[in-house]
């Protein structure tokens, strides 16, 4: 099972989108500064998730959330 997740930085209020097989571990990594791309934006709050059966579907959805249309979708649902 793969999980696409959306985090919100409590420091700068910006979103971060990613995917993982272990959401608990990945959230810990983000909030502990172990992820280079997010270490200066900690702490993070988990604001949205979706589950997928395979990696390809999760990667496709992650890419969507990073697009203009995907950002608009997240804005429309208040995330």
N, C-alpha and C. Protein backbone atom coordinates (compact mmCIF):
# COMPACT_ATOMS: atom_id res chain seq x y z
N UNK A 1 0.84 -1.18 0.00
CA UNK A 1 0.00 0.00 0.00
C UNK A 1 0.89 1.24 0.00
N UNK A 2 0.58 2.18 -0.85
CA UNK A 2 1.31 3.44 -0.95
C UNK A 2 0.39 4.58 -0.56
N UNK A 3 0.94 5.56 0.11
CA UNK A 3 0.16 6.69 0.59
C UNK A 3 0.73 7.98 0.02
N UNK A 4 -0.13 8.75 -0.63
CA UNK A 4 0.23 10.10 -1.05
C UNK A 4 -0.21 11.01 0.09
N UNK A 5 0.70 11.89 0.50
CA UNK A 5 0.40 12.74 1.65
C UNK A 5 0.69 14.20 1.33
N UNK A 6 -0.03 15.06 2.03
CA UNK A 6 0.18 16.50 1.91
C UNK A 6 0.43 17.02 3.31
N UNK A 7 1.56 17.72 3.46
CA UNK A 7 1.93 18.34 4.72
C UNK A 7 1.81 19.84 4.59
N UNK A 8 1.54 20.50 5.69
CA UNK A 8 1.58 21.96 5.72
C UNK A 8 2.63 22.38 6.75
N UNK A 9 3.53 23.25 6.31
CA UNK A 9 4.55 23.78 7.20
C UNK A 9 3.92 24.77 8.16
N UNK A 10 4.14 24.58 9.43
CA UNK A 10 3.64 25.52 10.42
C UNK A 10 4.54 26.74 10.52
N UNK A 11 5.69 26.68 9.85
CA UNK A 11 6.62 27.82 9.84
C UNK A 11 6.25 28.82 8.75
N UNK A 12 6.05 28.32 7.51
CA UNK A 12 5.77 29.24 6.40
C UNK A 12 4.43 29.00 5.72
N UNK A 13 3.64 28.05 6.25
CA UNK A 13 2.28 27.75 5.79
C UNK A 13 2.22 27.19 4.36
N UNK A 14 3.34 26.73 3.83
CA UNK A 14 3.36 26.14 2.49
C UNK A 14 3.15 24.64 2.58
N UNK A 15 2.67 24.07 1.48
CA UNK A 15 2.41 22.63 1.42
C UNK A 15 3.61 21.88 0.87
N UNK A 16 3.69 20.60 1.26
CA UNK A 16 4.66 19.67 0.71
C UNK A 16 3.90 18.41 0.36
N UNK A 17 4.13 17.87 -0.84
CA UNK A 17 3.44 16.66 -1.30
C UNK A 17 4.48 15.57 -1.52
N UNK A 18 4.17 14.37 -1.06
CA UNK A 18 5.05 13.23 -1.27
C UNK A 18 4.27 11.94 -1.22
N UNK A 19 4.98 10.80 -1.36
CA UNK A 19 4.35 9.50 -1.19
C UNK A 19 5.29 8.57 -0.47
N UNK A 20 4.73 7.57 0.19
CA UNK A 20 5.51 6.66 1.00
C UNK A 20 4.74 5.36 1.23
N UNK A 21 5.43 4.36 1.71
CA UNK A 21 4.79 3.13 2.16
C UNK A 21 4.57 3.15 3.67
N UNK A 22 5.28 4.03 4.37
CA UNK A 22 5.19 4.10 5.83
C UNK A 22 5.02 5.56 6.24
N UNK A 23 3.79 5.98 6.40
CA UNK A 23 3.49 7.38 6.68
C UNK A 23 4.03 7.83 8.04
N UNK A 24 3.93 7.00 9.04
CA UNK A 24 4.42 7.36 10.37
C UNK A 24 5.91 7.66 10.34
N UNK A 25 6.67 6.77 9.71
CA UNK A 25 8.11 6.96 9.60
C UNK A 25 8.45 8.22 8.81
N UNK A 26 7.74 8.41 7.70
CA UNK A 26 8.05 9.55 6.83
C UNK A 26 7.72 10.88 7.51
N UNK A 27 6.62 10.96 8.22
CA UNK A 27 6.27 12.17 8.96
C UNK A 27 7.33 12.46 10.02
N UNK A 28 7.78 11.42 10.70
CA UNK A 28 8.86 11.58 11.69
C UNK A 28 10.12 12.13 11.02
N UNK A 29 10.46 11.60 9.85
CA UNK A 29 11.65 12.06 9.13
C UNK A 29 11.54 13.55 8.77
N UNK A 30 10.38 13.95 8.28
CA UNK A 30 10.17 15.36 7.93
C UNK A 30 10.31 16.26 9.16
N UNK A 31 9.67 15.88 10.24
CA UNK A 31 9.67 16.72 11.44
C UNK A 31 10.96 16.65 12.24
N UNK A 32 11.81 15.68 11.94
CA UNK A 32 13.10 15.56 12.62
C UNK A 32 14.23 16.22 11.84
N UNK A 33 13.93 16.75 10.67
CA UNK A 33 14.96 17.40 9.87
C UNK A 33 15.80 16.44 9.05
N UNK A 34 15.34 15.22 8.86
CA UNK A 34 16.09 14.22 8.12
C UNK A 34 15.86 14.29 6.61
N UNK A 35 14.92 15.13 6.17
CA UNK A 35 14.63 15.30 4.75
C UNK A 35 15.20 16.64 4.33
N UNK A 36 16.20 16.60 3.45
CA UNK A 36 16.92 17.81 3.06
C UNK A 36 15.99 18.89 2.53
N UNK A 37 15.03 18.52 1.70
CA UNK A 37 14.17 19.52 1.05
C UNK A 37 13.20 20.20 2.01
N UNK A 38 12.99 19.64 3.20
CA UNK A 38 12.01 20.23 4.12
C UNK A 38 12.58 20.59 5.49
N UNK A 39 13.86 20.35 5.72
CA UNK A 39 14.39 20.51 7.08
C UNK A 39 14.31 21.94 7.60
N UNK A 40 14.32 22.94 6.71
CA UNK A 40 14.25 24.33 7.16
C UNK A 40 12.82 24.86 7.27
N UNK A 41 11.84 23.99 7.04
CA UNK A 41 10.43 24.42 7.06
C UNK A 41 9.65 23.75 8.18
N UNK A 42 10.32 23.08 9.09
CA UNK A 42 9.66 22.37 10.18
C UNK A 42 9.04 23.35 11.17
N UNK A 43 8.03 22.90 11.92
CA UNK A 43 7.36 21.59 11.92
C UNK A 43 6.27 21.51 10.86
N UNK A 44 5.85 20.26 10.61
CA UNK A 44 4.82 19.99 9.62
C UNK A 44 3.60 19.36 10.28
N UNK A 45 2.46 19.64 9.67
CA UNK A 45 1.20 19.04 10.08
C UNK A 45 0.65 18.26 8.88
N UNK A 46 0.23 17.04 9.12
CA UNK A 46 -0.38 16.22 8.06
C UNK A 46 -1.78 16.74 7.80
N UNK A 47 -2.07 17.10 6.53
CA UNK A 47 -3.38 17.69 6.24
C UNK A 47 -4.23 16.87 5.28
N UNK A 48 -3.62 15.89 4.55
CA UNK A 48 -4.41 15.12 3.57
C UNK A 48 -3.65 13.86 3.19
N UNK A 49 -4.38 12.77 2.99
CA UNK A 49 -3.79 11.51 2.50
C UNK A 49 -4.73 10.80 1.54
N UNK A 50 -4.15 10.02 0.67
CA UNK A 50 -4.88 9.09 -0.20
C UNK A 50 -4.05 7.81 -0.30
N UNK A 51 -4.72 6.65 -0.35
CA UNK A 51 -4.03 5.37 -0.43
C UNK A 51 -4.17 4.76 -1.82
N UNK A 52 -3.10 4.07 -2.25
CA UNK A 52 -3.07 3.43 -3.56
C UNK A 52 -2.48 2.04 -3.46
N UNK A 53 -2.92 1.17 -4.34
CA UNK A 53 -2.46 -0.22 -4.36
C UNK A 53 -1.04 -0.36 -4.88
N UNK A 54 -0.64 0.52 -5.81
CA UNK A 54 0.70 0.36 -6.38
C UNK A 54 1.42 1.69 -6.48
N UNK A 55 2.73 1.59 -6.64
CA UNK A 55 3.60 2.76 -6.66
C UNK A 55 3.30 3.69 -7.84
N UNK A 56 2.99 3.12 -8.99
CA UNK A 56 2.74 3.92 -10.18
C UNK A 56 1.53 4.85 -9.99
N UNK A 57 0.47 4.33 -9.40
CA UNK A 57 -0.72 5.15 -9.14
C UNK A 57 -0.40 6.27 -8.15
N UNK A 58 0.37 5.94 -7.11
CA UNK A 58 0.75 6.95 -6.11
C UNK A 58 1.61 8.04 -6.74
N UNK A 59 2.55 7.66 -7.58
CA UNK A 59 3.42 8.63 -8.24
C UNK A 59 2.62 9.54 -9.17
N UNK A 60 1.64 8.97 -9.85
CA UNK A 60 0.80 9.75 -10.74
C UNK A 60 -0.02 10.77 -9.95
N UNK A 61 -0.56 10.36 -8.81
CA UNK A 61 -1.36 11.27 -7.99
C UNK A 61 -0.49 12.35 -7.35
N UNK A 62 0.72 11.98 -6.92
CA UNK A 62 1.65 12.95 -6.37
C UNK A 62 1.96 14.02 -7.42
N UNK A 63 2.23 13.58 -8.63
CA UNK A 63 2.52 14.52 -9.72
C UNK A 63 1.33 15.45 -9.96
N UNK A 64 0.11 14.91 -9.90
CA UNK A 64 -1.09 15.73 -10.06
C UNK A 64 -1.15 16.82 -8.99
N UNK A 65 -0.92 16.45 -7.72
CA UNK A 65 -1.00 17.43 -6.64
C UNK A 65 0.05 18.53 -6.79
N UNK A 66 1.14 18.25 -7.48
CA UNK A 66 2.19 19.25 -7.69
C UNK A 66 1.91 20.13 -8.90
N UNK A 67 0.88 19.79 -9.66
CA UNK A 67 0.52 20.59 -10.83
C UNK A 67 -0.40 21.74 -10.43
N UNK A 68 -0.60 22.66 -11.35
CA UNK A 68 -1.50 23.79 -11.10
C UNK A 68 -2.90 23.29 -10.76
N UNK A 69 -3.38 22.34 -11.53
CA UNK A 69 -4.72 21.79 -11.31
C UNK A 69 -4.80 21.09 -9.94
N UNK A 70 -3.77 20.37 -9.57
CA UNK A 70 -3.74 19.69 -8.28
C UNK A 70 -3.71 20.65 -7.12
N UNK A 71 -2.93 21.73 -7.24
CA UNK A 71 -2.90 22.75 -6.19
C UNK A 71 -4.27 23.41 -6.05
N UNK A 72 -4.93 23.65 -7.19
CA UNK A 72 -6.28 24.21 -7.14
C UNK A 72 -7.25 23.25 -6.45
N UNK A 73 -7.12 21.95 -6.72
CA UNK A 73 -7.94 20.96 -6.04
C UNK A 73 -7.76 21.02 -4.54
N UNK A 74 -6.51 21.04 -4.08
CA UNK A 74 -6.24 21.11 -2.64
C UNK A 74 -6.79 22.40 -2.04
N UNK A 75 -6.66 23.50 -2.76
CA UNK A 75 -7.23 24.77 -2.30
C UNK A 75 -8.75 24.67 -2.18
N UNK A 76 -9.38 24.00 -3.14
CA UNK A 76 -10.85 23.92 -3.16
C UNK A 76 -11.42 23.09 -2.02
N UNK A 77 -10.64 22.15 -1.51
CA UNK A 77 -11.12 21.34 -0.39
C UNK A 77 -10.58 21.87 0.94
N UNK A 78 -9.93 23.02 0.86
CA UNK A 78 -9.47 23.68 2.08
C UNK A 78 -8.22 23.09 2.68
N UNK A 79 -7.39 22.48 1.87
CA UNK A 79 -6.16 21.85 2.39
C UNK A 79 -4.94 22.66 2.06
